[in-house]
């Protein structure tokens, strides 16, 4: 019973934001959005080259490299 009480207290503290190592949510959101933008910035101009390279690699693997 004591263990269950401690777990409930820990969960409530975490939800309330009492954990100092919880992190910076807006910072992580910004990192995620910037990463997605970077992927799009690379993918858009080089899409055909990337698709060709992946298809060539997959064909090489599936055909035994021949």
PDB file of N, CA and C in Angstrom:
ATOM      1  N   UNK A   1       0.820  -1.194   0.000  1.00  0.00           N
ATOM      2  CA  UNK A   1       0.000   0.000   0.000  1.00  0.00           C
ATOM      3  C   UNK A   1       0.866   1.261   0.000  1.00  0.00           C
ATOM      4  N   UNK A   2       1.978   1.207   0.710  1.00  0.00           N
ATOM      5  CA  UNK A   2       2.884   2.350   0.760  1.00  0.00           C
ATOM      6  C   UNK A   2       3.465   2.636  -0.623  1.00  0.00           C
ATOM      7  N   UNK A   3       3.810   1.567  -1.341  1.00  0.00           N
ATOM      8  CA  UNK A   3       4.371   1.738  -2.686  1.00  0.00           C
ATOM      9  C   UNK A   3       3.367   2.434  -3.602  1.00  0.00           C
ATOM     10  N   UNK A   4       2.115   2.013  -3.554  1.00  0.00           N
ATOM     11  CA  UNK A   4       1.071   2.618  -4.380  1.00  0.00           C
ATOM     12  C   UNK A   4       0.888   4.095  -4.040  1.00  0.00           C
ATOM     13  N   UNK A   5       0.940   4.420  -2.779  1.00  0.00           N
ATOM     14  CA  UNK A   5       0.823   5.816  -2.351  1.00  0.00           C
ATOM     15  C   UNK A   5       1.984   6.647  -2.887  1.00  0.00           C
ATOM     16  N   UNK A   6       3.188   6.106  -2.820  1.00  0.00           N
ATOM     17  CA  UNK A   6       4.360   6.814  -3.331  1.00  0.00           C
ATOM     18  C   UNK A   6       4.268   7.023  -4.836  1.00  0.00           C
ATOM     19  N   UNK A   7       3.754   6.020  -5.547  1.00  0.00           N
ATOM     20  CA  UNK A   7       3.605   6.146  -6.995  1.00  0.00           C
ATOM     21  C   UNK A   7       2.596   7.241  -7.330  1.00  0.00           C
ATOM     22  N   UNK A   8       1.473   7.253  -6.636  1.00  0.00           N
ATOM     23  CA  UNK A   8       0.459   8.275  -6.883  1.00  0.00           C
ATOM     24  C   UNK A   8       1.012   9.664  -6.589  1.00  0.00           C
ATOM     25  N   UNK A   9       1.748   9.818  -5.515  1.00  0.00           N
ATOM     26  CA  UNK A   9       2.346  11.119  -5.175  1.00  0.00           C
ATOM     27  C   UNK A   9       3.346  11.547  -6.249  1.00  0.00           C
ATOM     28  N   UNK A  10       4.158  10.620  -6.708  1.00  0.00           N
ATOM     29  CA  UNK A  10       5.145  10.935  -7.750  1.00  0.00           C
ATOM     30  C   UNK A  10       4.459  11.363  -9.043  1.00  0.00           C
ATOM     31  N   UNK A  11       3.392  10.673  -9.416  1.00  0.00           N
ATOM     32  CA  UNK A  11       2.663  11.030 -10.639  1.00  0.00           C
ATOM     33  C   UNK A  11       2.025  12.405 -10.496  1.00  0.00           C
ATOM     34  N   UNK A  12       1.423  12.670  -9.354  1.00  0.00           N
ATOM     35  CA  UNK A  12       0.807  13.980  -9.143  1.00  0.00           C
ATOM     36  C   UNK A  12       1.847  15.096  -9.157  1.00  0.00           C
ATOM     37  N   UNK A  13       3.011  14.870  -8.564  1.00  0.00           N
ATOM     38  CA  UNK A  13       4.078  15.870  -8.595  1.00  0.00           C
ATOM     39  C   UNK A  13       4.531  16.132 -10.031  1.00  0.00           C
ATOM     40  N   UNK A  14       4.623  15.087 -10.801  1.00  0.00           N
ATOM     41  CA  UNK A  14       5.058  15.227 -12.194  1.00  0.00           C
ATOM     42  C   UNK A  14       4.028  16.003 -13.015  1.00  0.00           C
ATOM     43  N   UNK A  15       2.769  15.713 -12.789  1.00  0.00           N
ATOM     44  CA  UNK A  15       1.715  16.414 -13.520  1.00  0.00           C
ATOM     45  C   UNK A  15       1.669  17.885 -13.124  1.00  0.00           C
ATOM     46  N   UNK A  16       1.885  18.172 -11.876  1.00  0.00           N
ATOM     47  CA  UNK A  16       1.864  19.556 -11.388  1.00  0.00           C
ATOM     48  C   UNK A  16       3.101  20.330 -11.793  1.00  0.00           C
ATOM     49  N   UNK A  17       4.120  19.662 -12.255  1.00  0.00           N
ATOM     50  CA  UNK A  17       5.333  20.354 -12.660  1.00  0.00           C
ATOM     51  C   UNK A  17       6.322  20.529 -11.532  1.00  0.00           C
ATOM     52  N   UNK A  18       6.248  19.720 -10.494  1.00  0.00           N
ATOM     53  CA  UNK A  18       7.152  19.856  -9.355  1.00  0.00           C
ATOM     54  C   UNK A  18       8.544  19.298  -9.669  1.00  0.00           C
ATOM     55  N   UNK A  19       8.678  18.561 -10.757  1.00  0.00           N
ATOM     56  CA  UNK A  19       9.962  17.962 -11.119  1.00  0.00           C
ATOM     57  C   UNK A  19      10.828  19.015 -11.819  1.00  0.00           C
ATOM     58  N   UNK A  20      11.965  19.402 -11.235  1.00  0.00           N
ATOM     59  CA  UNK A  20      12.789  20.449 -11.853  1.00  0.00           C
ATOM     60  C   UNK A  20      13.452  19.998 -13.148  1.00  0.00           C
ATOM     61  N   UNK A  21      13.499  18.706 -13.421  1.00  0.00           N
ATOM     62  CA  UNK A  21      14.130  18.208 -14.638  1.00  0.00           C
ATOM     63  C   UNK A  21      13.098  17.832 -15.698  1.00  0.00           C
ATOM     64  N   UNK A  22      11.936  18.416 -15.615  1.00  0.00           N
ATOM     65  CA  UNK A  22      10.863  18.072 -16.539  1.00  0.00           C
ATOM     66  C   UNK A  22      11.201  18.510 -17.961  1.00  0.00           C
ATOM     67  N   UNK A  23      11.881  19.611 -18.117  1.00  0.00           N
ATOM     68  CA  UNK A  23      12.303  20.045 -19.442  1.00  0.00           C
ATOM     69  C   UNK A  23      11.548  21.272 -19.917  1.00  0.00           C
ATOM     70  N   UNK A  24      12.039  21.800 -20.990  1.00  0.00           N
ATOM     71  CA  UNK A  24      11.468  22.994 -21.580  1.00  0.00           C
ATOM     72  C   UNK A  24      10.645  22.581 -22.795  1.00  0.00           C
ATOM     73  N   UNK A  25       9.339  22.466 -22.610  1.00  0.00           N
ATOM     74  CA  UNK A  25       8.474  21.991 -23.687  1.00  0.00           C
ATOM     75  C   UNK A  25       8.525  22.903 -24.909  1.00  0.00           C
ATOM     76  N   UNK A  26       8.428  24.224 -24.763  1.00  0.00           N
ATOM     77  CA  UNK A  26       8.509  25.058 -25.974  1.00  0.00           C
ATOM     78  C   UNK A  26       9.842  24.902 -26.714  1.00  0.00           C
ATOM     79  N   UNK A  27      10.914  24.676 -25.978  1.00  0.00           N
ATOM     80  CA  UNK A  27      12.198  24.451 -26.633  1.00  0.00           C
ATOM     81  C   UNK A  27      12.194  23.180 -27.463  1.00  0.00           C
ATOM     82  N   UNK A  28      11.603  22.112 -26.910  1.00  0.00           N
ATOM     83  CA  UNK A  28      11.531  20.858 -27.664  1.00  0.00           C
ATOM     84  C   UNK A  28      10.611  20.985 -28.867  1.00  0.00           C
ATOM     85  N   UNK A  29       9.546  21.747 -28.728  1.00  0.00           N
ATOM     86  CA  UNK A  29       8.656  21.971 -29.871  1.00  0.00           C
ATOM     87  C   UNK A  29       9.415  22.710 -30.970  1.00  0.00           C
ATOM     88  N   UNK A  30      10.173  23.715 -30.588  1.00  0.00           N
ATOM     89  CA  UNK A  30      10.934  24.471 -31.577  1.00  0.00           C
ATOM     90  C   UNK A  30      11.980  23.598 -32.260  1.00  0.00           C
ATOM     91  N   UNK A  31      12.649  22.743 -31.510  1.00  0.00           N
ATOM     92  CA  UNK A  31      13.634  21.838 -32.105  1.00  0.00           C
ATOM     93  C   UNK A  31      12.966  20.898 -33.092  1.00  0.00           C
ATOM     94  N   UNK A  32      11.789  20.379 -32.734  1.00  0.00           N
ATOM     95  CA  UNK A  32      11.071  19.468 -33.629  1.00  0.00           C
ATOM     96  C   UNK A  32      10.644  20.175 -34.911  1.00  0.00           C
ATOM     97  N   UNK A  33      10.109  21.374 -34.776  1.00  0.00           N
ATOM     98  CA  UNK A  33       9.676  22.127 -35.961  1.00  0.00           C
ATOM     99  C   UNK A  33      10.868  22.489 -36.833  1.00  0.00           C
ATOM    100  N   UNK A  34      11.974  22.899 -36.219  1.00  0.00           N
ATOM    101  CA  UNK A  34      13.160  23.246 -37.004  1.00  0.00           C
ATOM    102  C   UNK A  34      13.736  22.028 -37.710  1.00  0.00           C
ATOM    103  N   UNK A  35      13.698  20.868 -37.062  1.00  0.00           N
ATOM    104  CA  UNK A  35      14.178  19.648 -37.704  1.00  0.00           C
ATOM    105  C   UNK A  35      13.309  19.290 -38.900  1.00  0.00           C
ATOM    106  N   UNK A  36      11.995  19.397 -38.737  1.00  0.00           N
ATOM    107  CA  UNK A  36      11.089  19.120 -39.854  1.00  0.00           C
ATOM    108  C   UNK A  36      11.340  20.099 -41.005  1.00  0.00           C
ATOM    109  N   UNK A  37      11.556  21.361 -40.687  1.00  0.00           N
ATOM    110  CA  UNK A  37      11.832  22.351 -41.722  1.00  0.00           C
ATOM    111  C   UNK A  37      13.144  22.038 -42.438  1.00  0.00           C
ATOM    112  N   UNK A  38      14.147  21.605 -41.695  1.00  0.00           N
ATOM    113  CA  UNK A  38      15.422  21.250 -42.295  1.00  0.00           C
ATOM    114  C   UNK A  38      15.282  20.054 -43.222  1.00  0.00           C
ATOM    115  N   UNK A  39      14.523  19.054 -42.797  1.00  0.00           N
ATOM    116  CA  UNK A  39      14.286  17.880 -43.646  1.00  0.00           C
ATOM    117  C   UNK A  39      13.582  18.303 -44.928  1.00  0.00           C
ATOM    118  N   UNK A  40      12.572  19.148 -44.814  1.00  0.00           N
ATOM    119  CA  UNK A  40      11.876  19.617 -46.016  1.00  0.00           C
ATOM    120  C   UNK A  40      12.786  20.453 -46.909  1.00  0.00           C
ATOM    121  N   UNK A  41      13.630  21.285 -46.299  1.00  0.00           N
ATOM    122  CA  UNK A  41      14.536  22.115 -47.079  1.00  0.00           C
ATOM    123  C   UNK A  41      15.528  21.268 -47.873  1.00  0.00           C
ATOM    124  N   UNK A  42      15.903  20.122 -47.331  1.00  0.00           N
ATOM    125  CA  UNK A  42      16.803  19.217 -48.050  1.00  0.00           C
ATOM    126  C   UNK A  42      16.028  18.357 -49.036  1.00  0.00           C
ATOM    127  N   UNK A  43      14.854  17.899 -48.638  1.00  0.00           N
ATOM    128  CA  UNK A  43      14.082  16.965 -49.459  1.00  0.00           C
ATOM    129  C   UNK A  43      13.521  17.608 -50.717  1.00  0.00           C
ATOM    130  N   UNK A  44      13.028  18.834 -50.624  1.00  0.00           N
ATOM    131  CA  UNK A  44      12.356  19.454 -51.770  1.00  0.00           C
ATOM    132  C   UNK A  44      13.282  19.597 -52.980  1.00  0.00           C
ATOM    133  N   UNK A  45      14.444  20.205 -52.868  1.00  0.00           N
ATOM    134  CA  UNK A  45      15.261  20.358 -54.080  1.00  0.00           C
ATOM    135  C   UNK A  45      15.948  19.061 -54.534  1.00  0.00           C
ATOM    136  N   UNK A  46      16.162  18.115 -53.620  1.00  0.00           N
ATOM    137  CA  UNK A  46      16.903  16.911 -53.978  1.00  0.00           C
ATOM    138  C   UNK A  46      16.028  15.663 -53.985  1.00  0.00           C
ATOM    139  N   UNK A  47      14.715  15.836 -54.113  1.00  0.00           N
ATOM    140  CA  UNK A  47      13.794  14.703 -54.013  1.00  0.00           C
ATOM    141  C   UNK A  47      14.082  13.624 -55.036  1.00  0.00           C
ATOM    142  N   UNK A  48      14.253  14.005 -56.288  1.00  0.00           N
ATOM    143  CA  UNK A  48      14.478  12.987 -57.320  1.00  0.00           C
ATOM    144  C   UNK A  48      15.801  12.257 -57.091  1.00  0.00           C
ATOM    145  N   UNK A  49      16.835  12.971 -56.692  1.00  0.00           N
ATOM    146  CA  UNK A  49      18.124  12.327 -56.441  1.00  0.00           C
ATOM    147  C   UNK A  49      18.032  11.364 -55.262  1.00  0.00           C
ATOM    148  N   UNK A  50      17.295  11.748 -54.214  1.00  0.00           N
ATOM    149  CA  UNK A  50      17.155  10.884 -53.042  1.00  0.00           C
ATOM    150  C   UNK A  50      16.350   9.639 -53.397  1.00  0.00           C
ATOM    151  N   UNK A  51      15.246   9.831 -54.137  1.00  0.00           N
ATOM    152  CA  UNK A  51      14.415   8.691 -54.538  1.00  0.00           C
ATOM    153  C   UNK A  51      15.216   7.740 -55.425  1.00  0.00           C
ATOM    154  N   UNK A  52      15.968   8.271 -56.379  1.00  0.00           N
ATOM    155  CA  UNK A  52      16.794   7.422 -57.248  1.00  0.00           C
ATOM    156  C   UNK A  52      17.843   6.658 -56.453  1.00  0.00           C
ATOM    157  N   UNK A  53      18.484   7.329 -55.492  1.00  0.00           N
ATOM    158  CA  UNK A  53      19.512   6.667 -54.685  1.00  0.00           C
ATOM    159  C   UNK A  53      18.906   5.542 -53.837  1.00  0.00           C
ATOM    160  N   UNK A  54      17.734   5.791 -53.251  1.00  0.00           N
ATOM    161  CA  UNK A  54      17.090   4.761 -52.435  1.00  0.00           C
ATOM    162  C   UNK A  54      16.638   3.593 -53.301  1.00  0.00           C
ATOM    163  N   UNK A  55      16.070   3.877 -54.470  1.00  0.00           N
ATOM    164  CA  UNK A  55      15.635   2.802 -55.367  1.00  0.00           C
ATOM    165  C   UNK A  55      16.825   1.979 -55.851  1.00  0.00           C
ATOM    166  N   UNK A  56      17.919   2.632 -56.157  1.00  0.00           N
ATOM    167  CA  UNK A  56      19.121   1.918 -56.586  1.00  0.00           C
ATOM    168  C   UNK A  56      19.655   1.029 -55.462  1.00  0.00           C
ATOM    169  N   UNK A  57      19.663   1.565 -54.231  1.00  0.00           N
ATOM    170  CA  UNK A  57      20.130   0.789 -53.098  1.00  0.00           C
ATOM    171  C   UNK A  57      19.227  -0.420 -52.839  1.00  0.00           C
ATOM    172  N   UNK A  58      17.922  -0.212 -52.895  1.00  0.00           N
ATOM    173  CA  UNK A  58      16.994  -1.313 -52.678  1.00  0.00           C
ATOM    174  C   UNK A  58      17.091  -2.368 -53.770  1.00  0.00           C
ATOM    175  N   UNK A  59      17.247  -1.932 -55.015  1.00  0.00           N
ATOM    176  CA  UNK A  59      17.412  -2.874 -56.115  1.00  0.00           C
ATOM    177  C   UNK A  59      18.709  -3.661 -55.949  1.00  0.00           C
ATOM    178  N   UNK A  60      19.760  -2.984 -55.520  1.00  0.00           N
ATOM    179  CA  UNK A  60      21.036  -3.647 -55.298  1.00  0.00           C
ATOM    180  C   UNK A  60      20.929  -4.711 -54.210  1.00  0.00           C
ATOM    181  N   UNK A  61      20.199  -4.399 -53.150  1.00  0.00           N
ATOM    182  CA  UNK A  61      20.058  -5.339 -52.035  1.00  0.00           C
ATOM    183  C   UNK A  61      19.172  -6.522 -52.429  1.00  0.00           C
ATOM    184  N   UNK A  62      18.039  -6.237 -53.076  1.00  0.00           N
ATOM    185  CA  UNK A  62      17.101  -7.285 -53.413  1.00  0.00           C
ATOM    186  C   UNK A  62      17.564  -8.176 -54.552  1.00  0.00           C
ATOM    187  N   UNK A  63      18.414  -7.660 -55.435  1.00  0.00           N
ATOM    188  CA  UNK A  63      18.881  -8.467 -56.569  1.00  0.00           C
ATOM    189  C   UNK A  63      20.207  -9.167 -56.260  1.00  0.00           C
ATOM    190  N   UNK A  64      20.709  -9.036 -55.074  1.00  0.00           N
ATOM    191  CA  UNK A  64      21.947  -9.693 -54.702  1.00  0.00           C
ATOM    192  C   UNK A  64      23.190  -8.927 -55.103  1.00  0.00           C
ATOM    193  N   UNK A  65      23.047  -7.649 -55.426  1.00  0.00           N
ATOM    194  CA  UNK A  65      24.202  -6.829 -55.756  1.00  0.00           C
ATOM    195  C   UNK A  65      24.674  -6.962 -57.172  1.00  0.00           C
ATOM    196  N   UNK A  66      23.955  -7.718 -57.981  1.00  0.00           N
ATOM    197  CA  UNK A  66      24.403  -7.962 -59.344  1.00  0.00           C
ATOM    198  C   UNK A  66      23.836  -7.004 -60.270  1.00  0.00           C
TER     199      UNK A  66
END
